Structures are given as C-alpha cells and as structure tokens.
Amino acid sequence: MLGAIMGDIAGSVYEWRNIRTKDFPLFAENSEFTDDTVMTLAVAEALLARSGEKLDEEGFRRALVAHMRRLGNLYPHAGYGGHFTMWLREEEPKPYYSWGNGSAMRVSPVVWAAGSLQEATALARLTAEVTHNHPEGIKGAQAAAAAGWLGAYGAGMQDIRDHIAATCYPLDFTLDDIRPDYAFDVSCQGSVPQAITAFLESVSVEDAIRGAISIGGDSDTIACIAGGIAQQYAHGHADYPGILPAHREEVLNRLDDQLRDIYMRFEAAFMGA
C-alpha cells in the first residue's frame, strides 16, 4: 500500500505537467498526496474495521461508504472528480455507474487483507461498487488487485501478464510504444493496463513508478496503481527491490498525522510490521 501512496505523491506534480522520460526528481518540493492516497487509506480503514471477521458484503459496503465519506470530507480539496465530489455531499450516496480509474487507485489495501486471489478480487469488486459499479470500473479494480495479490504470493511477471491478459486486458503494447502519443485518460480501460504494463516492465518499485509517470496522462493515478502492484510484488520476490528506507521516510513525512496513523495501524495489522 505504501507503494501506491508513493506513486501518488511522486506523480502529483506531473498530472497537469506531463513528463515523457523516467529521468526526473522522484520527490519535488511541492509533491503531495492527493485523492488517490486519501481514498486508499479510507479503504484501509474499512478493512481494519472488519479485521478478523468473515466477509459480510453489505456490512463492508456500509463501512466503505462511511470511511470514504469521512476522510473525503475531511480533505475536500484533494482533487476528486466531479461525480465523486457530489457523492461525498449526498445524504444517501448511491453508485453512479462510473468506469473511472478511481476504483483502481484505491484498491491496493485489499491485497494485504485477502487470503486468496478469489477473496482479493471479491474485495476489489466491493470497494469499486460503492461508486464505480460500471463493469469497466469493477474490472479495473479487480485487475490491479489480482496483479498485486499474485505478485505478493510468488507469481512471476509472465504469470501475472498471462492472468491479466486472459481475464481483463490484452496488454499488447509497451511503454515505448505509447509514450509519444498517450493522452490523458481517466477511464479504467485507458489507464489500468498502462499502469500494469509499467509494473511489468520494471526492475524495482521506484522503476515502476518512474515508468508510469513517464508516459504522461493521469500521472499520479497511473503511478499509484503501478506502485501499489510493484510493492506487493517486492513482498513476494526478494530479487525485486522494494521501497528504500529513505523513500519510506519521505512518503510518511508527506502525510499528515491522521493519514500516517491510518497507514501505520494498517501496516501493523496486515503487513507484519
């Protein structure tokens, strides 16, 4: 999950000033967390609330809505899309059939809470459905969760590629293929395959984030998704460098006390810290 937050922070300064190279300062002076981090941590809170319990889908949906609305309204200027902003303000919020990449950007915590690939994709579906109940919105969240879970539990990159190609997206391009012309695209179908490809072409968590940012587009979200998957892969593969201690410190220092506390509680509960 820290990889997702790291990607969000690193990509935040490039979302509206796209860069088409992997050679850039990883953390600029004005790099900051955005809605990607806030909602990732809201999902983490909801998972903490059900820790150790058998999955109750309706109860988990209620917890998701409650925690997403609580944190979302505490950070109203984090960069939410228009429909999500309205969802935060509604008295009785309902899903709005979104296919946007917001479902995939917040899904990384489910990997650490899931005991199987099936559970990871089931949790991913639930985290998407409270807002992004379009089939593409659900698929984007499930693809990111499946790639992360498989990597965390030892699957190789080719196995992950094959699984995603068979169940979600063809992944029939490279970053070099799309870098010159890739345009801003907030859909799951137009950004999640790119994020997964950035991970699949990487040699470390940092490299996955740099690759994701290097294609332009919705940089913070693509890097958030790629960084989350990459961190999970590092957990299952000792030869794939994870988050450096200095980068961990940098990321945690850019969260405020409340968000940092949620992350640390989740890490202690689910990640063996």
Foldseek 3Di string as FASTA:
>chain_A
DLQLLLLLQQQVVCQVPAAQALDDPSHDPPRFHALLLLLLLLLLVLLVVQPPHDDDLVSSLVSSLVSSLVSCVVCVPRDDDPVVSVQSVDPDHAADQAQFLSLQSNLLLLLLRDPDLVSSLVSSQSNQHRHNNHPNSSLLNSLLSNLLNCLLAADDLVVNQVVCCVPPNVLPDALVRQQVPQEADRGSRNQSSQLSRLLSPDQELSSSSSSQSNSHHSNSRSSSSNRSSRQSNVNNDVRRYYQDPVSSVVSLVSDDPVSSVSVVVSCVSRVVD
